[in-house]
Amino acid sequence: MKDASLGPSSYAVLGMVNNCGAATSYDIKRQIDQSVGNFWTFARSQLYAEPQRLAELGLLQEEQEDFGRRRRLFQLTEQGKQVLEAWLSDPGTPTTELRDMGLMKLYFSKGRPTEAIRTLARQQQEVHRTKLAEYQEMHRQLSLIPEATFGLASLRLGCLFEESTIQFWEEIEQNPPALPQKPERPLEVQEG
């Protein structure tokens, strides 16, 4: 039951609604920002629009409150549960996509001064230390919630990634890549 019109944001919304039970678009976006949004980026507009689109496809059921802010609450339909289960069971997973602006800057640093590369490495260490501290705090908070087992397991890879990335940038700072030195050409003796 694979639908070509469903992408990562679709499955993130279906999964989050499944975890929450019933949720508004804002609830879904907030929960994604605090969880899977740490390792997969979604456009805000996409997360707000996706529940309505999934409702139109019959994967979510939408109910609007009769009073107050008249929020729209979304719940999984039986078809939505089947689609989510089919996706979770699908063994085909594309390779990991590493999107790291610091790494791209390093790649294009050919010819830049060594100190500029060291500065980039120090900046990246700080960025990744900050993210690691966020993950460690999330781990502390989630470890108090018995139902957070799967979030904790995912968070473990996030921590390992940040630790190894910090180590990578420490190595770059200590030993920045450089272009090989061209051998000096011997002076040619001119006969005269």
C-alpha atoms as a PDB file:
ATOM      1  CA  MET A   1       0.000   0.000   0.000  1.00  0.00           C
ATOM      2  CA  LYS A   2       2.731   2.437  -1.051  1.00  0.00           C
ATOM      3  CA  ASP A   3       1.567   5.852  -2.244  1.00  0.00           C
ATOM      4  CA  ALA A   4       3.974   7.937  -4.311  1.00  0.00           C
ATOM      5  CA  SER A   5       2.331  11.140  -3.017  1.00  0.00           C
ATOM      6  CA  LEU A   6       3.506  10.366   0.522  1.00  0.00           C
ATOM      7  CA  GLY A   7       6.938  11.565   1.610  1.00  0.00           C
ATOM      8  CA  PRO A   8       8.889  11.982   4.843  1.00  0.00           C
ATOM      9  CA  SER A   9       6.620  14.754   6.148  1.00  0.00           C
ATOM     10  CA  SER A  10       3.553  12.564   5.513  1.00  0.00           C
ATOM     11  CA  TYR A  11       4.973   9.690   7.516  1.00  0.00           C
ATOM     12  CA  ALA A  12       6.205  12.020  10.275  1.00  0.00           C
ATOM     13  CA  VAL A  13       2.681  13.441  10.628  1.00  0.00           C
ATOM     14  CA  LEU A  14       1.068   9.983  10.565  1.00  0.00           C
ATOM     15  CA  GLY A  15       3.565   8.697  13.126  1.00  0.00           C
ATOM     16  CA  MET A  16       3.134  11.704  15.408  1.00  0.00           C
ATOM     17  CA  VAL A  17      -0.671  11.498  15.279  1.00  0.00           C
ATOM     18  CA  ASN A  18      -0.356   7.793  16.049  1.00  0.00           C
ATOM     19  CA  ASN A  19       1.825   8.616  19.084  1.00  0.00           C
ATOM     20  CA  CYS A  20      -0.372  11.495  20.298  1.00  0.00           C
ATOM     21  CA  GLY A  21      -3.799   9.980  19.654  1.00  0.00           C
ATOM     22  CA  ALA A  22      -5.438  13.209  18.510  1.00  0.00           C
ATOM     23  CA  ALA A  23      -3.585  16.405  17.694  1.00  0.00           C
ATOM     24  CA  THR A  24      -3.896  19.784  16.030  1.00  0.00           C
ATOM     25  CA  SER A  25      -1.493  20.871  13.297  1.00  0.00           C
ATOM     26  CA  TYR A  26       0.264  23.025  15.896  1.00  0.00           C
ATOM     27  CA  ASP A  27       0.584  20.058  18.306  1.00  0.00           C
ATOM     28  CA  ILE A  28       2.053  17.934  15.518  1.00  0.00           C
ATOM     29  CA  LYS A  29       4.571  20.608  14.517  1.00  0.00           C
ATOM     30  CA  ARG A  30       5.599  21.237  18.140  1.00  0.00           C
ATOM     31  CA  GLN A  31       6.052  17.524  18.856  1.00  0.00           C
ATOM     32  CA  ILE A  32       8.065  17.018  15.655  1.00  0.00           C
ATOM     33  CA  ASP A  33      10.287  20.012  16.498  1.00  0.00           C
ATOM     34  CA  GLN A  34      11.046  18.435  19.881  1.00  0.00           C
ATOM     35  CA  SER A  35      11.729  14.958  18.538  1.00  0.00           C
ATOM     36  CA  VAL A  36      12.343  13.795  14.966  1.00  0.00           C
ATOM     37  CA  GLY A  37      12.920  17.395  13.885  1.00  0.00           C
ATOM     38  CA  ASN A  38      16.334  17.064  15.523  1.00  0.00           C
ATOM     39  CA  PHE A  39      17.439  14.660  12.798  1.00  0.00           C
ATOM     40  CA  TRP A  40      15.100  15.439   9.916  1.00  0.00           C
ATOM     41  CA  THR A  41      14.219  18.991   8.909  1.00  0.00           C
ATOM     42  CA  PHE A  42      10.682  19.850   7.816  1.00  0.00           C
ATOM     43  CA  ALA A  43       9.364  23.161   6.521  1.00  0.00           C
ATOM     44  CA  ARG A  44       6.865  24.677   8.973  1.00  0.00           C
ATOM     45  CA  SER A  45       4.362  25.338   6.217  1.00  0.00           C
ATOM     46  CA  GLN A  46       4.591  21.701   5.178  1.00  0.00           C
ATOM     47  CA  LEU A  47       3.832  20.473   8.691  1.00  0.00           C
ATOM     48  CA  TYR A  48       0.812  22.756   8.989  1.00  0.00           C
ATOM     49  CA  ALA A  49      -0.594  21.803   5.579  1.00  0.00           C
ATOM     50  CA  GLU A  50       0.150  18.068   5.644  1.00  0.00           C
ATOM     51  CA  PRO A  51      -2.560  16.984   8.137  1.00  0.00           C
ATOM     52  CA  GLN A  52      -5.270  18.537   5.967  1.00  0.00           C
ATOM     53  CA  ARG A  53      -3.864  16.857   2.850  1.00  0.00           C
ATOM     54  CA  LEU A  54      -3.699  13.498   4.632  1.00  0.00           C
ATOM     55  CA  ALA A  55      -7.311  13.984   5.754  1.00  0.00           C
ATOM     56  CA  GLU A  56      -8.302  14.557   2.118  1.00  0.00           C
ATOM     57  CA  LEU A  57      -6.540  11.276   1.244  1.00  0.00           C
ATOM     58  CA  GLY A  58      -8.555   9.487   3.948  1.00  0.00           C
ATOM     59  CA  LEU A  59      -5.525   8.753   6.143  1.00  0.00           C
ATOM     60  CA  LEU A  60      -6.538  11.126   8.933  1.00  0.00           C
ATOM     61  CA  GLN A  61      -9.941  11.984  10.305  1.00  0.00           C
ATOM     62  CA  GLU A  62     -10.544  15.644  11.063  1.00  0.00           C
ATOM     63  CA  GLU A  63     -12.889  17.029  13.703  1.00  0.00           C
ATOM     64  CA  GLN A  64     -13.346  20.716  14.391  1.00  0.00           C
ATOM     65  CA  GLU A  65     -14.224  21.993  17.840  1.00  0.00           C
ATOM     66  CA  ASP A  66     -17.692  23.551  18.089  1.00  0.00           C
ATOM     67  CA  PHE A  67     -16.561  26.312  20.437  1.00  0.00           C
ATOM     68  CA  GLY A  68     -13.537  28.348  21.502  1.00  0.00           C
ATOM     69  CA  ARG A  69     -10.762  28.568  18.947  1.00  0.00           C
ATOM     70  CA  ARG A  70     -12.492  25.907  16.819  1.00  0.00           C
ATOM     71  CA  ARG A  71      -9.254  23.973  16.492  1.00  0.00           C
ATOM     72  CA  ARG A  72      -9.076  21.064  14.086  1.00  0.00           C
ATOM     73  CA  LEU A  73      -8.093  17.772  15.705  1.00  0.00           C
ATOM     74  CA  PHE A  74      -6.676  14.976  13.583  1.00  0.00           C
ATOM     75  CA  GLN A  75      -6.750  11.244  14.316  1.00  0.00           C
ATOM     76  CA  LEU A  76      -5.546   8.255  12.310  1.00  0.00           C
ATOM     77  CA  THR A  77      -8.135   6.417  10.259  1.00  0.00           C
ATOM     78  CA  GLU A  78      -7.916   2.669   9.793  1.00  0.00           C
ATOM     79  CA  GLN A  79      -6.456   3.304   6.337  1.00  0.00           C
ATOM     80  CA  GLY A  80      -3.933   5.712   7.890  1.00  0.00           C
ATOM     81  CA  LYS A  81      -2.884   3.022  10.379  1.00  0.00           C
ATOM     82  CA  GLN A  82      -2.397   0.551   7.521  1.00  0.00           C
ATOM     83  CA  VAL A  83      -0.300   3.017   5.509  1.00  0.00           C
ATOM     84  CA  LEU A  84       1.845   3.844   8.545  1.00  0.00           C
ATOM     85  CA  GLU A  85       2.329   0.137   9.339  1.00  0.00           C
ATOM     86  CA  ALA A  86       3.249  -0.620   5.710  1.00  0.00           C
ATOM     87  CA  TRP A  87       5.851   2.165   5.762  1.00  0.00           C
ATOM     88  CA  LEU A  88       7.274   1.038   9.110  1.00  0.00           C
ATOM     89  CA  SER A  89       7.497  -2.539   7.797  1.00  0.00           C
ATOM     90  CA  ASP A  90       9.074  -1.597   4.462  1.00  0.00           C
ATOM     91  CA  PRO A  91      12.693  -2.837   4.524  1.00  0.00           C
ATOM     92  CA  GLY A  92      13.706  -0.360   1.815  1.00  0.00           C
ATOM     93  CA  THR A  93      15.308   2.640   3.414  1.00  0.00           C
ATOM     94  CA  PRO A  94      17.358   5.084   1.335  1.00  0.00           C
ATOM     95  CA  THR A  95      20.915   5.782   2.418  1.00  0.00           C
ATOM     96  CA  THR A  96      21.440   8.416   5.074  1.00  0.00           C
ATOM     97  CA  GLU A  97      21.618  11.972   3.802  1.00  0.00           C
ATOM     98  CA  LEU A  98      24.189  14.033   5.661  1.00  0.00           C
ATOM     99  CA  ARG A  99      23.384  17.726   5.377  1.00  0.00           C
ATOM    100  CA  ASP A 100      26.095  19.624   7.194  1.00  0.00           C
ATOM    101  CA  MET A 101      26.905  23.196   6.186  1.00  0.00           C
ATOM    102  CA  GLY A 102      30.245  23.130   8.035  1.00  0.00           C
ATOM    103  CA  LEU A 103      31.309  20.039   6.112  1.00  0.00           C
ATOM    104  CA  MET A 104      30.334  21.710   2.839  1.00  0.00           C
ATOM    105  CA  LYS A 105      32.387  24.779   3.802  1.00  0.00           C
ATOM    106  CA  LEU A 106      35.356  22.524   4.529  1.00  0.00           C
ATOM    107  CA  TYR A 107      34.981  20.829   1.155  1.00  0.00           C
ATOM    108  CA  PHE A 108      35.182  24.188  -0.650  1.00  0.00           C
ATOM    109  CA  SER A 109      38.071  25.560   1.443  1.00  0.00           C
ATOM    110  CA  LYS A 110      40.793  24.698  -1.066  1.00  0.00           C
ATOM    111  CA  GLY A 111      43.302  27.533  -1.102  1.00  0.00           C
ATOM    112  CA  ARG A 112      42.028  29.175   2.085  1.00  0.00           C
ATOM    113  CA  PRO A 113      44.538  30.014   4.811  1.00  0.00           C
ATOM    114  CA  THR A 114      45.204  27.299   7.386  1.00  0.00           C
ATOM    115  CA  GLU A 115      44.031  29.580  10.198  1.00  0.00           C
ATOM    116  CA  ALA A 116      40.654  30.051   8.446  1.00  0.00           C
ATOM    117  CA  ILE A 117      40.204  26.273   8.386  1.00  0.00           C
ATOM    118  CA  ARG A 118      41.150  26.048  12.065  1.00  0.00           C
ATOM    119  CA  THR A 119      38.602  28.782  12.841  1.00  0.00           C
ATOM    120  CA  LEU A 120      35.918  26.855  10.959  1.00  0.00           C
ATOM    121  CA  ALA A 121      36.855  23.721  12.946  1.00  0.00           C
ATOM    122  CA  ARG A 122      36.593  25.566  16.269  1.00  0.00           C
ATOM    123  CA  GLN A 123      33.224  27.049  15.292  1.00  0.00           C
ATOM    124  CA  GLN A 124      31.904  23.638  14.288  1.00  0.00           C
ATOM    125  CA  GLN A 125      33.110  22.087  17.539  1.00  0.00           C
ATOM    126  CA  GLU A 126      31.098  24.696  19.438  1.00  0.00           C
ATOM    127  CA  VAL A 127      27.975  24.111  17.299  1.00  0.00           C
ATOM    128  CA  HIS A 128      28.149  20.365  17.869  1.00  0.00           C
ATOM    129  CA  ARG A 129      28.966  20.673  21.577  1.00  0.00           C
ATOM    130  CA  THR A 130      25.854  22.825  21.964  1.00  0.00           C
ATOM    131  CA  LYS A 131      23.732  20.254  20.133  1.00  0.00           C
ATOM    132  CA  LEU A 132      25.237  17.430  22.184  1.00  0.00           C
ATOM    133  CA  ALA A 133      24.326  19.297  25.389  1.00  0.00           C
ATOM    134  CA  GLU A 134      20.743  19.678  24.082  1.00  0.00           C
ATOM    135  CA  TYR A 135      20.566  15.960  23.349  1.00  0.00           C
ATOM    136  CA  GLN A 136      21.971  15.099  26.772  1.00  0.00           C
ATOM    137  CA  GLU A 137      19.334  17.288  28.438  1.00  0.00           C
ATOM    138  CA  MET A 138      16.614  15.684  26.308  1.00  0.00           C
ATOM    139  CA  HIS A 139      17.961  12.288  27.362  1.00  0.00           C
ATOM    140  CA  ARG A 140      17.784  13.303  31.015  1.00  0.00           C
ATOM    141  CA  GLN A 141      14.166  14.441  30.634  1.00  0.00           C
ATOM    142  CA  LEU A 142      13.051  11.456  28.534  1.00  0.00           C
ATOM    143  CA  SER A 143      14.655   8.958  30.898  1.00  0.00           C
ATOM    144  CA  LEU A 144      11.984   9.996  33.432  1.00  0.00           C
ATOM    145  CA  ILE A 145       9.186   8.905  31.059  1.00  0.00           C
ATOM    146  CA  PRO A 146       8.698   5.115  30.830  1.00  0.00           C
ATOM    147  CA  GLU A 147       7.049   5.330  27.369  1.00  0.00           C
ATOM    148  CA  ALA A 148      10.063   7.165  25.898  1.00  0.00           C
ATOM    149  CA  THR A 149      12.058   3.997  25.154  1.00  0.00           C
ATOM    150  CA  PHE A 150      12.099   4.503  21.380  1.00  0.00           C
ATOM    151  CA  GLY A 151      12.865   8.200  21.663  1.00  0.00           C
ATOM    152  CA  LEU A 152      15.798   7.372  23.931  1.00  0.00           C
ATOM    153  CA  ALA A 153      17.087   4.801  21.442  1.00  0.00           C
ATOM    154  CA  SER A 154      16.941   7.371  18.610  1.00  0.00           C
ATOM    155  CA  LEU A 155      18.536   9.987  20.821  1.00  0.00           C
ATOM    156  CA  ARG A 156      21.479   7.664  21.504  1.00  0.00           C
ATOM    157  CA  LEU A 157      22.495   7.793  17.843  1.00  0.00           C
ATOM    158  CA  GLY A 158      22.147  11.578  17.922  1.00  0.00           C
ATOM    159  CA  CYS A 159      24.575  11.752  20.861  1.00  0.00           C
ATOM    160  CA  LEU A 160      27.026   9.367  19.200  1.00  0.00           C
ATOM    161  CA  PHE A 161      26.856  11.406  15.989  1.00  0.00           C
ATOM    162  CA  GLU A 162      27.574  14.662  17.819  1.00  0.00           C
ATOM    163  CA  GLU A 163      30.451  13.105  19.777  1.00  0.00           C
ATOM    164  CA  SER A 164      32.087  11.731  16.628  1.00  0.00           C
ATOM    165  CA  THR A 165      31.526  15.013  14.774  1.00  0.00           C
ATOM    166  CA  ILE A 166      33.214  16.939  17.593  1.00  0.00           C
ATOM    167  CA  GLN A 167      36.145  14.517  17.390  1.00  0.00           C
ATOM    168  CA  PHE A 168      36.318  14.996  13.598  1.00  0.00           C
ATOM    169  CA  TRP A 169      36.485  18.801  13.926  1.00  0.00           C
ATOM    170  CA  GLU A 170      39.083  18.549  16.712  1.00  0.00           C
ATOM    171  CA  GLU A 171      41.245  16.527  14.326  1.00  0.00           C
ATOM    172  CA  ILE A 172      40.719  19.093  11.549  1.00  0.00           C
ATOM    173  CA  GLU A 173      41.730  21.889  13.938  1.00  0.00           C
ATOM    174  CA  GLN A 174      44.891  20.038  14.963  1.00  0.00           C
ATOM    175  CA  ASN A 175      45.828  18.922  11.466  1.00  0.00           C
ATOM    176  CA  PRO A 176      44.050  21.022   8.815  1.00  0.00           C
ATOM    177  CA  PRO A 177      44.056  19.633   5.284  1.00  0.00           C
ATOM    178  CA  ALA A 178      46.412  21.461   2.964  1.00  0.00           C
ATOM    179  CA  LEU A 179      47.321  21.343  -0.675  1.00  0.00           C
ATOM    180  CA  PRO A 180      50.497  19.362  -1.363  1.00  0.00           C
ATOM    181  CA  GLN A 181      53.525  21.520  -1.808  1.00  0.00           C
ATOM    182  CA  LYS A 182      54.777  21.694  -5.356  1.00  0.00           C
ATOM    183  CA  PRO A 183      58.394  20.654  -5.623  1.00  0.00           C
ATOM    184  CA  GLU A 184      60.682  23.521  -6.361  1.00  0.00           C
ATOM    185  CA  ARG A 185      62.069  23.467  -9.848  1.00  0.00           C
ATOM    186  CA  PRO A 186      65.830  23.634  -9.988  1.00  0.00           C
ATOM    187  CA  LEU A 187      67.214  26.778 -11.514  1.00  0.00           C
ATOM    188  CA  GLU A 188      68.069  26.278 -15.124  1.00  0.00           C
ATOM    189  CA  VAL A 189      71.496  27.358 -16.073  1.00  0.00           C
ATOM    190  CA  GLN A 190      71.482  29.402 -19.217  1.00  0.00           C
ATOM    191  CA  GLU A 191      74.386  29.042 -21.525  1.00  0.00           C
ATOM    192  CA  GLY A 192      75.524  32.229 -22.899  1.00  0.00           C
END
